[in-house]
Amino acid sequence: MTFEVRQIALGTVSAALGTASAKNTHALFIYNDSNKSIYVGASDVTIANGFHIPPTSFRELKIANGDVLWGVSNDVDGELHIYDFQVDP
């Protein structure tokens, strides 16, 4: 199992949060370490269509082989901590 930790600053323009490898699914543990709302989803994610991660909240998501998770904040200075576990096949 591969493990990686990332810290990502987000603003009002969407940004890629990570990509699952071509071979394995990834389990992402995402912590919103800010007082801003953050939304995650596909490359077209917005605050209207994204999966909401409220301030100081934690979510677990899985992304499939080759998928990219994107995020955006409702304001500047959003911050995520992402714990990324590569799930063995």
PDB file of N, CA and C in Angstrom:
ATOM      1  N   MET A   1       0.851  -1.170   0.000  1.00  0.00           N
ATOM      2  CA  MET A   1       0.000   0.000   0.000  1.00  0.00           C
ATOM      3  C   MET A   1       0.896   1.232   0.000  1.00  0.00           C
ATOM      4  N   THR A   2       0.589   2.172  -0.883  1.00  0.00           N
ATOM      5  CA  THR A   2       1.306   3.435  -0.961  1.00  0.00           C
ATOM      6  C   THR A   2       0.519   4.493  -0.215  1.00  0.00           C
ATOM      7  N   PHE A   3       1.213   5.360   0.500  1.00  0.00           N
ATOM      8  CA  PHE A   3       0.591   6.396   1.319  1.00  0.00           C
ATOM      9  C   PHE A   3       1.256   7.728   1.012  1.00  0.00           C
ATOM     10  N   GLU A   4       0.453   8.766   0.825  1.00  0.00           N
ATOM     11  CA  GLU A   4       0.985  10.102   0.530  1.00  0.00           C
ATOM     12  C   GLU A   4       0.142  11.137   1.253  1.00  0.00           C
ATOM     13  N   VAL A   5       0.772  12.193   1.745  1.00  0.00           N
ATOM     14  CA  VAL A   5       0.072  13.298   2.396  1.00  0.00           C
ATOM     15  C   VAL A   5       0.333  14.563   1.589  1.00  0.00           C
ATOM     16  N   ARG A   6      -0.742  15.304   1.299  1.00  0.00           N
ATOM     17  CA  ARG A   6      -0.612  16.562   0.561  1.00  0.00           C
ATOM     18  C   ARG A   6      -1.373  17.662   1.297  1.00  0.00           C
ATOM     19  N   GLN A   7      -0.894  18.876   1.170  1.00  0.00           N
ATOM     20  CA  GLN A   7      -1.576  20.048   1.682  1.00  0.00           C
ATOM     21  C   GLN A   7      -1.808  20.953   0.484  1.00  0.00           C
ATOM     22  N   ILE A   8      -3.053  21.362   0.274  1.00  0.00           N
ATOM     23  CA  ILE A   8      -3.399  22.117  -0.931  1.00  0.00           C
ATOM     24  C   ILE A   8      -4.166  23.374  -0.552  1.00  0.00           C
ATOM     25  N   ALA A   9      -3.709  24.518  -1.046  1.00  0.00           N
ATOM     26  CA  ALA A   9      -4.417  25.785  -0.876  1.00  0.00           C
ATOM     27  C   ALA A   9      -5.401  25.933  -2.031  1.00  0.00           C
ATOM     28  N   LEU A  10      -6.625  26.313  -1.717  1.00  0.00           N
ATOM     29  CA  LEU A  10      -7.659  26.482  -2.741  1.00  0.00           C
ATOM     30  C   LEU A  10      -8.235  27.889  -2.692  1.00  0.00           C
ATOM     31  N   GLY A  11      -8.653  28.347  -3.854  1.00  0.00           N
ATOM     32  CA  GLY A  11      -9.337  29.625  -3.970  1.00  0.00           C
ATOM     33  C   GLY A  11     -10.613  29.443  -4.767  1.00  0.00           C
ATOM     34  N   THR A  12     -11.023  30.489  -5.440  1.00  0.00           N
ATOM     35  CA  THR A  12     -12.291  30.472  -6.167  1.00  0.00           C
ATOM     36  C   THR A  12     -12.174  29.917  -7.582  1.00  0.00           C
ATOM     37  N   VAL A  13     -10.969  29.485  -7.980  1.00  0.00           N
ATOM     38  CA  VAL A  13     -10.754  28.829  -9.271  1.00  0.00           C
ATOM     39  C   VAL A  13     -10.437  27.368  -8.984  1.00  0.00           C
ATOM     40  N   SER A  14     -11.096  26.435  -9.681  1.00  0.00           N
ATOM     41  CA  SER A  14     -10.907  25.014  -9.390  1.00  0.00           C
ATOM     42  C   SER A  14      -9.468  24.568  -9.662  1.00  0.00           C
ATOM     43  N   ALA A  15      -9.017  23.590  -8.869  1.00  0.00           N
ATOM     44  CA  ALA A  15      -7.661  23.058  -8.987  1.00  0.00           C
ATOM     45  C   ALA A  15      -7.699  21.549  -8.805  1.00  0.00           C
ATOM     46  N   ALA A  16      -6.803  20.854  -9.487  1.00  0.00           N
ATOM     47  CA  ALA A  16      -6.707  19.397  -9.349  1.00  0.00           C
ATOM     48  C   ALA A  16      -6.142  19.067  -7.971  1.00  0.00           C
ATOM     49  N   LEU A  17      -6.757  18.085  -7.305  1.00  0.00           N
ATOM     50  CA  LEU A  17      -6.328  17.677  -5.972  1.00  0.00           C
ATOM     51  C   LEU A  17      -5.497  16.406  -6.000  1.00  0.00           C
ATOM     52  N   GLY A  18      -5.553  15.682  -7.097  1.00  0.00           N
ATOM     53  CA  GLY A  18      -4.785  14.449  -7.201  1.00  0.00           C
ATOM     54  C   GLY A  18      -5.377  13.526  -8.238  1.00  0.00           C
ATOM     55  N   THR A  19      -4.579  12.564  -8.668  1.00  0.00           N
ATOM     56  CA  THR A  19      -4.976  11.606  -9.692  1.00  0.00           C
ATOM     57  C   THR A  19      -4.717  10.202  -9.184  1.00  0.00           C
ATOM     58  N   ALA A  20      -5.683   9.317  -9.376  1.00  0.00           N
ATOM     59  CA  ALA A  20      -5.457   7.908  -9.047  1.00  0.00           C
ATOM     60  C   ALA A  20      -4.547   7.312 -10.109  1.00  0.00           C
ATOM     61  N   SER A  21      -3.681   6.424  -9.690  1.00  0.00           N
ATOM     62  CA  SER A  21      -2.785   5.771 -10.648  1.00  0.00           C
ATOM     63  C   SER A  21      -3.594   4.963 -11.645  1.00  0.00           C
ATOM     64  N   ALA A  22      -2.973   4.586 -12.718  1.00  0.00           N
ATOM     65  CA  ALA A  22      -3.661   3.837 -13.767  1.00  0.00           C
ATOM     66  C   ALA A  22      -4.029   2.427 -13.321  1.00  0.00           C
ATOM     67  N   LYS A  23      -3.423   1.938 -12.247  1.00  0.00           N
ATOM     68  CA  LYS A  23      -3.655   0.553 -11.850  1.00  0.00           C
ATOM     69  C   LYS A  23      -4.522   0.388 -10.612  1.00  0.00           C
ATOM     70  N   ASN A  24      -4.566   1.387  -9.746  1.00  0.00           N
ATOM     71  CA  ASN A  24      -5.200   1.187  -8.455  1.00  0.00           C
ATOM     72  C   ASN A  24      -6.204   2.277  -8.114  1.00  0.00           C
ATOM     73  N   THR A  25      -7.184   1.896  -7.310  1.00  0.00           N
ATOM     74  CA  THR A  25      -8.109   2.840  -6.726  1.00  0.00           C
ATOM     75  C   THR A  25      -7.429   3.495  -5.530  1.00  0.00           C
ATOM     76  N   HIS A  26      -7.764   4.755  -5.280  1.00  0.00           N
ATOM     77  CA  HIS A  26      -7.202   5.473  -4.142  1.00  0.00           C
ATOM     78  C   HIS A  26      -8.314   5.820  -3.160  1.00  0.00           C
ATOM     79  N   ALA A  27      -8.036   5.661  -1.884  1.00  0.00           N
ATOM     80  CA  ALA A  27      -8.911   6.137  -0.819  1.00  0.00           C
ATOM     81  C   ALA A  27      -8.336   7.460  -0.342  1.00  0.00           C
ATOM     82  N   LEU A  28      -9.135   8.502  -0.405  1.00  0.00           N
ATOM     83  CA  LEU A  28      -8.684   9.830   0.003  1.00  0.00           C
ATOM     84  C   LEU A  28      -9.402  10.229   1.288  1.00  0.00           C
ATOM     85  N   PHE A  29      -8.637  10.616   2.277  1.00  0.00           N
ATOM     86  CA  PHE A  29      -9.175  11.172   3.499  1.00  0.00           C
ATOM     87  C   PHE A  29      -8.888  12.661   3.439  1.00  0.00           C
ATOM     88  N   ILE A  30      -9.946  13.467   3.354  1.00  0.00           N
ATOM     89  CA  ILE A  30      -9.813  14.894   3.082  1.00  0.00           C
ATOM     90  C   ILE A  30     -10.287  15.682   4.296  1.00  0.00           C
ATOM     91  N   TYR A  31      -9.413  16.552   4.801  1.00  0.00           N
ATOM     92  CA  TYR A  31      -9.755  17.412   5.932  1.00  0.00           C
ATOM     93  C   TYR A  31      -9.706  18.868   5.482  1.00  0.00           C
ATOM     94  N   ASN A  32     -10.798  19.585   5.661  1.00  0.00           N
ATOM     95  CA  ASN A  32     -10.867  21.008   5.341  1.00  0.00           C
ATOM     96  C   ASN A  32     -10.333  21.779   6.545  1.00  0.00           C
ATOM     97  N   ASP A  33      -9.082  22.200   6.452  1.00  0.00           N
ATOM     98  CA  ASP A  33      -8.407  22.874   7.559  1.00  0.00           C
ATOM     99  C   ASP A  33      -8.499  24.384   7.401  1.00  0.00           C
ATOM    100  N   SER A  34      -9.711  24.874   7.174  1.00  0.00           N
ATOM    101  CA  SER A  34      -9.912  26.315   7.013  1.00  0.00           C
ATOM    102  C   SER A  34     -11.309  26.674   7.504  1.00  0.00           C
ATOM    103  N   ASN A  35     -11.598  27.952   7.515  1.00  0.00           N
ATOM    104  CA  ASN A  35     -12.945  28.397   7.877  1.00  0.00           C
ATOM    105  C   ASN A  35     -13.764  28.716   6.631  1.00  0.00           C
ATOM    106  N   LYS A  36     -13.343  28.175   5.483  1.00  0.00           N
ATOM    107  CA  LYS A  36     -14.023  28.364   4.196  1.00  0.00           C
ATOM    108  C   LYS A  36     -14.699  27.063   3.788  1.00  0.00           C
ATOM    109  N   SER A  37     -15.801  27.147   3.070  1.00  0.00           N
ATOM    110  CA  SER A  37     -16.421  25.951   2.503  1.00  0.00           C
ATOM    111  C   SER A  37     -15.635  25.520   1.272  1.00  0.00           C
ATOM    112  N   ILE A  38     -15.476  24.214   1.119  1.00  0.00           N
ATOM    113  CA  ILE A  38     -14.766  23.657  -0.024  1.00  0.00           C
ATOM    114  C   ILE A  38     -15.675  22.639  -0.697  1.00  0.00           C
ATOM    115  N   TYR A  39     -15.574  22.573  -2.022  1.00  0.00           N
ATOM    116  CA  TYR A  39     -16.400  21.680  -2.821  1.00  0.00           C
ATOM    117  C   TYR A  39     -15.485  20.855  -3.713  1.00  0.00           C
ATOM    118  N   VAL A  40     -15.755  19.561  -3.828  1.00  0.00           N
ATOM    119  CA  VAL A  40     -14.939  18.687  -4.670  1.00  0.00           C
ATOM    120  C   VAL A  40     -15.819  18.011  -5.708  1.00  0.00           C
ATOM    121  N   GLY A  41     -15.178  17.607  -6.824  1.00  0.00           N
ATOM    122  CA  GLY A  41     -15.909  16.937  -7.891  1.00  0.00           C
ATOM    123  C   GLY A  41     -15.043  16.780  -9.125  1.00  0.00           C
ATOM    124  N   ALA A  42     -15.696  16.786 -10.279  1.00  0.00           N
ATOM    125  CA  ALA A  42     -15.012  16.650 -11.570  1.00  0.00           C
ATOM    126  C   ALA A  42     -14.363  17.980 -11.952  1.00  0.00           C
ATOM    127  N   SER A  43     -13.740  18.023 -13.124  1.00  0.00           N
ATOM    128  CA  SER A  43     -13.005  19.221 -13.548  1.00  0.00           C
ATOM    129  C   SER A  43     -13.887  20.462 -13.664  1.00  0.00           C
ATOM    130  N   ASP A  44     -15.186  20.278 -13.793  1.00  0.00           N
ATOM    131  CA  ASP A  44     -16.106  21.416 -13.893  1.00  0.00           C
ATOM    132  C   ASP A  44     -16.729  21.771 -12.531  1.00  0.00           C
ATOM    133  N   VAL A  45     -16.098  21.357 -11.430  1.00  0.00           N
ATOM    134  CA  VAL A  45     -16.657  21.584 -10.101  1.00  0.00           C
ATOM    135  C   VAL A  45     -16.829  23.079  -9.819  1.00  0.00           C
ATOM    136  N   THR A  46     -17.959  23.405  -9.195  1.00  0.00           N
ATOM    137  CA  THR A  46     -18.249  24.764  -8.745  1.00  0.00           C
ATOM    138  C   THR A  46     -18.848  24.661  -7.345  1.00  0.00           C
ATOM    139  N   ILE A  47     -19.091  25.809  -6.733  1.00  0.00           N
ATOM    140  CA  ILE A  47     -19.741  25.771  -5.424  1.00  0.00           C
ATOM    141  C   ILE A  47     -21.213  25.373  -5.543  1.00  0.00           C
ATOM    142  N   ALA A  48     -21.747  25.390  -6.754  1.00  0.00           N
ATOM    143  CA  ALA A  48     -23.137  24.988  -6.975  1.00  0.00           C
ATOM    144  C   ALA A  48     -23.302  23.490  -7.220  1.00  0.00           C
ATOM    145  N   ASN A  49     -22.272  22.826  -7.788  1.00  0.00           N
ATOM    146  CA  ASN A  49     -22.450  21.406  -8.140  1.00  0.00           C
ATOM    147  C   ASN A  49     -21.492  20.458  -7.421  1.00  0.00           C
ATOM    148  N   GLY A  50     -20.585  20.977  -6.604  1.00  0.00           N
ATOM    149  CA  GLY A  50     -19.594  20.132  -5.952  1.00  0.00           C
ATOM    150  C   GLY A  50     -20.107  19.473  -4.684  1.00  0.00           C
ATOM    151  N   PHE A  51     -19.368  18.462  -4.240  1.00  0.00           N
ATOM    152  CA  PHE A  51     -19.639  17.779  -2.978  1.00  0.00           C
ATOM    153  C   PHE A  51     -19.070  18.650  -1.862  1.00  0.00           C
ATOM    154  N   HIS A  52     -19.926  19.126  -0.974  1.00  0.00           N
ATOM    155  CA  HIS A  52     -19.552  20.116   0.035  1.00  0.00           C
ATOM    156  C   HIS A  52     -18.735  19.492   1.171  1.00  0.00           C
ATOM    157  N   ILE A  53     -17.622  20.146   1.508  1.00  0.00           N
ATOM    158  CA  ILE A  53     -16.843  19.800   2.693  1.00  0.00           C
ATOM    159  C   ILE A  53     -16.820  21.056   3.564  1.00  0.00           C
ATOM    160  N   PRO A  54     -17.657  21.092   4.608  1.00  0.00           N
ATOM    161  CA  PRO A  54     -17.750  22.288   5.447  1.00  0.00           C
ATOM    162  C   PRO A  54     -16.428  22.593   6.165  1.00  0.00           C
ATOM    163  N   PRO A  55     -16.283  23.818   6.666  1.00  0.00           N
ATOM    164  CA  PRO A  55     -15.075  24.174   7.410  1.00  0.00           C
ATOM    165  C   PRO A  55     -14.801  23.189   8.546  1.00  0.00           C
ATOM    166  N   THR A  56     -13.541  22.868   8.727  1.00  0.00           N
ATOM    167  CA  THR A  56     -13.024  21.965   9.769  1.00  0.00           C
ATOM    168  C   THR A  56     -13.723  20.606   9.771  1.00  0.00           C
ATOM    169  N   SER A  57     -14.099  20.132   8.588  1.00  0.00           N
ATOM    170  CA  SER A  57     -14.753  18.822   8.455  1.00  0.00           C
ATOM    171  C   SER A  57     -13.856  17.842   7.720  1.00  0.00           C
ATOM    172  N   PHE A  58     -14.213  16.592   7.834  1.00  0.00           N
ATOM    173  CA  PHE A  58     -13.443  15.481   7.280  1.00  0.00           C
ATOM    174  C   PHE A  58     -14.357  14.644   6.390  1.00  0.00           C
ATOM    175  N   ARG A  59     -13.845  14.201   5.240  1.00  0.00           N
ATOM    176  CA  ARG A  59     -14.591  13.309   4.347  1.00  0.00           C
ATOM    177  C   ARG A  59     -13.667  12.229   3.817  1.00  0.00           C
ATOM    178  N   GLU A  60     -14.234  11.084   3.549  1.00  0.00           N
ATOM    179  CA  GLU A  60     -13.498   9.994   2.894  1.00  0.00           C
ATOM    180  C   GLU A  60     -14.124   9.752   1.533  1.00  0.00           C
ATOM    181  N   LEU A  61     -13.283   9.730   0.494  1.00  0.00           N
ATOM    182  CA  LEU A  61     -13.741   9.470  -0.869  1.00  0.00           C
ATOM    183  C   LEU A  61     -12.829   8.445  -1.512  1.00  0.00           C
ATOM    184  N   LYS A  62     -13.342   7.721  -2.484  1.00  0.00           N
ATOM    185  CA  LYS A  62     -12.512   6.828  -3.284  1.00  0.00           C
ATOM    186  C   LYS A  62     -12.574   7.307  -4.724  1.00  0.00           C
ATOM    187  N   ILE A  63     -11.418   7.307  -5.381  1.00  0.00           N
ATOM    188  CA  ILE A  63     -11.394   7.657  -6.799  1.00  0.00           C
ATOM    189  C   ILE A  63     -10.825   6.483  -7.573  1.00  0.00           C
ATOM    190  N   ALA A  64     -11.416   6.249  -8.713  1.00  0.00           N
ATOM    191  CA  ALA A  64     -11.076   5.084  -9.527  1.00  0.00           C
ATOM    192  C   ALA A  64      -9.837   5.332 -10.370  1.00  0.00           C
ATOM    193  N   ASN A  65      -9.367   4.263 -10.974  1.00  0.00           N
ATOM    194  CA  ASN A  65      -8.161   4.281 -11.805  1.00  0.00           C
ATOM    195  C   ASN A  65      -8.169   5.449 -12.787  1.00  0.00           C
ATOM    196  N   GLY A  66      -7.134   6.283 -12.725  1.00  0.00           N
ATOM    197  CA  GLY A  66      -6.955   7.370 -13.679  1.00  0.00           C
ATOM    198  C   GLY A  66      -7.830   8.588 -13.479  1.00  0.00           C
ATOM    199  N   ASP A  67      -8.762   8.558 -12.520  1.00  0.00           N
ATOM    200  CA  ASP A  67      -9.632   9.713 -12.288  1.00  0.00           C
ATOM    201  C   ASP A  67      -8.874  10.836 -11.591  1.00  0.00           C
ATOM    202  N   VAL A  68      -9.348  12.045 -11.787  1.00  0.00           N
ATOM    203  CA  VAL A  68      -8.776  13.225 -11.142  1.00  0.00           C
ATOM    204  C   VAL A  68      -9.858  13.870 -10.297  1.00  0.00           C
ATOM    205  N   LEU A  69      -9.537  14.192  -9.056  1.00  0.00           N
ATOM    206  CA  LEU A  69     -10.455  14.900  -8.175  1.00  0.00           C
ATOM    207  C   LEU A  69     -10.074  16.374  -8.176  1.00  0.00           C
ATOM    208  N   TRP A  70     -11.084  17.243  -8.321  1.00  0.00           N
ATOM    209  CA  TRP A  70     -10.875  18.689  -8.361  1.00  0.00           C
ATOM    210  C   TRP A  70     -11.552  19.336  -7.166  1.00  0.00           C
ATOM    211  N   GLY A  71     -11.086  20.527  -6.778  1.00  0.00           N
ATOM    212  CA  GLY A  71     -11.693  21.247  -5.674  1.00  0.00           C
ATOM    213  C   GLY A  71     -11.728  22.737  -5.924  1.00  0.00           C
ATOM    214  N   VAL A  72     -12.637  23.402  -5.225  1.00  0.00           N
ATOM    215  CA  VAL A  72     -12.779  24.851  -5.300  1.00  0.00           C
ATOM    216  C   VAL A  72     -13.324  25.323  -3.954  1.00  0.00           C
ATOM    217  N   SER A  73     -12.986  26.562  -3.597  1.00  0.00           N
ATOM    218  CA  SER A  73     -13.464  27.137  -2.349  1.00  0.00           C
ATOM    219  C   SER A  73     -14.466  28.246  -2.639  1.00  0.00           C
ATOM    220  N   ASN A  74     -15.281  28.577  -1.637  1.00  0.00           N
ATOM    221  CA  ASN A  74     -16.220  29.687  -1.803  1.00  0.00           C
ATOM    222  C   ASN A  74     -15.538  31.032  -1.572  1.00  0.00           C
ATOM    223  N   ASP A  75     -14.247  30.996  -1.216  1.00  0.00           N
ATOM    224  CA  ASP A  75     -13.494  32.211  -0.925  1.00  0.00           C
ATOM    225  C   ASP A  75     -12.005  31.892  -1.088  1.00  0.00           C
ATOM    226  N   VAL A  76     -11.162  32.884  -0.998  1.00  0.00           N
ATOM    227  CA  VAL A  76      -9.718  32.639  -1.043  1.00  0.00           C
ATOM    228  C   VAL A  76      -9.282  32.024   0.289  1.00  0.00           C
ATOM    229  N   ASP A  77      -8.119  31.433   0.300  1.00  0.00           N
ATOM    230  CA  ASP A  77      -7.508  30.874   1.512  1.00  0.00           C
ATOM    231  C   ASP A  77      -8.166  29.604   2.040  1.00  0.00           C
ATOM    232  N   GLY A  78      -8.801  28.825   1.169  1.00  0.00           N
ATOM    233  CA  GLY A  78      -9.249  27.500   1.587  1.00  0.00           C
ATOM    234  C   GLY A  78      -8.035  26.583   1.674  1.00  0.00           C
ATOM    235  N   GLU A  79      -8.040  25.642   2.598  1.00  0.00           N
ATOM    236  CA  GLU A  79      -6.894  24.738   2.735  1.00  0.00           C
ATOM    237  C   GLU A  79      -7.356  23.325   3.051  1.00  0.00           C
ATOM    238  N   LEU A  80      -6.844  22.369   2.276  1.00  0.00           N
ATOM    239  CA  LEU A  80      -7.151  20.954   2.477  1.00  0.00           C
ATOM    240  C   LEU A  80      -5.900  20.192   2.863  1.00  0.00           C
ATOM    241  N   HIS A  81      -6.087  19.191   3.696  1.00  0.00           N
ATOM    242  CA  HIS A  81      -5.060  18.189   3.950  1.00  0.00           C
ATOM    243  C   HIS A  81      -5.616  16.893   3.382  1.00  0.00           C
ATOM    244  N   ILE A  82      -4.854  16.236   2.526  1.00  0.00           N
ATOM    245  CA  ILE A  82      -5.307  15.018   1.879  1.00  0.00           C
ATOM    246  C   ILE A  82      -4.366  13.877   2.234  1.00  0.00           C
ATOM    247  N   TYR A  83      -4.940  12.812   2.782  1.00  0.00           N
ATOM    248  CA  TYR A  83      -4.209  11.573   3.057  1.00  0.00           C
ATOM    249  C   TYR A  83      -4.644  10.589   1.988  1.00  0.00           C
ATOM    250  N   ASP A  84      -3.722  10.183   1.163  1.00  0.00           N
ATOM    251  CA  ASP A  84      -4.006   9.396  -0.037  1.00  0.00           C
ATOM    252  C   ASP A  84      -3.410   7.989   0.116  1.00  0.00           C
ATOM    253  N   PHE A  85      -4.306   7.004   0.168  1.00  0.00           N
ATOM    254  CA  PHE A  85      -3.884   5.605   0.264  1.00  0.00           C
ATOM    255  C   PHE A  85      -4.164   4.922  -1.055  1.00  0.00           C
ATOM    256  N   GLN A  86      -3.151   4.348  -1.655  1.00  0.00           N
ATOM    257  CA  GLN A  86      -3.332   3.551  -2.872  1.00  0.00           C
ATOM    258  C   GLN A  86      -3.773   2.158  -2.434  1.00  0.00           C
ATOM    259  N   VAL A  87      -4.940   1.749  -2.872  1.00  0.00           N
ATOM    260  CA  VAL A  87      -5.502   0.455  -2.483  1.00  0.00           C
ATOM    261  C   VAL A  87      -4.923  -0.610  -3.419  1.00  0.00           C
ATOM    262  N   ASP A  88      -4.309  -1.621  -2.832  1.00  0.00           N
ATOM    263  CA  ASP A  88      -3.729  -2.700  -3.638  1.00  0.00           C
ATOM    264  C   ASP A  88      -4.837  -3.446  -4.382  1.00  0.00           C
ATOM    265  N   PRO A  89      -4.540  -3.889  -5.613  1.00  0.00           N
ATOM    266  CA  PRO A  89      -5.572  -4.581  -6.408  1.00  0.00           C
ATOM    267  C   PRO A  89      -5.951  -5.922  -5.798  1.00  0.00           C
TER     268      PRO A  89
END
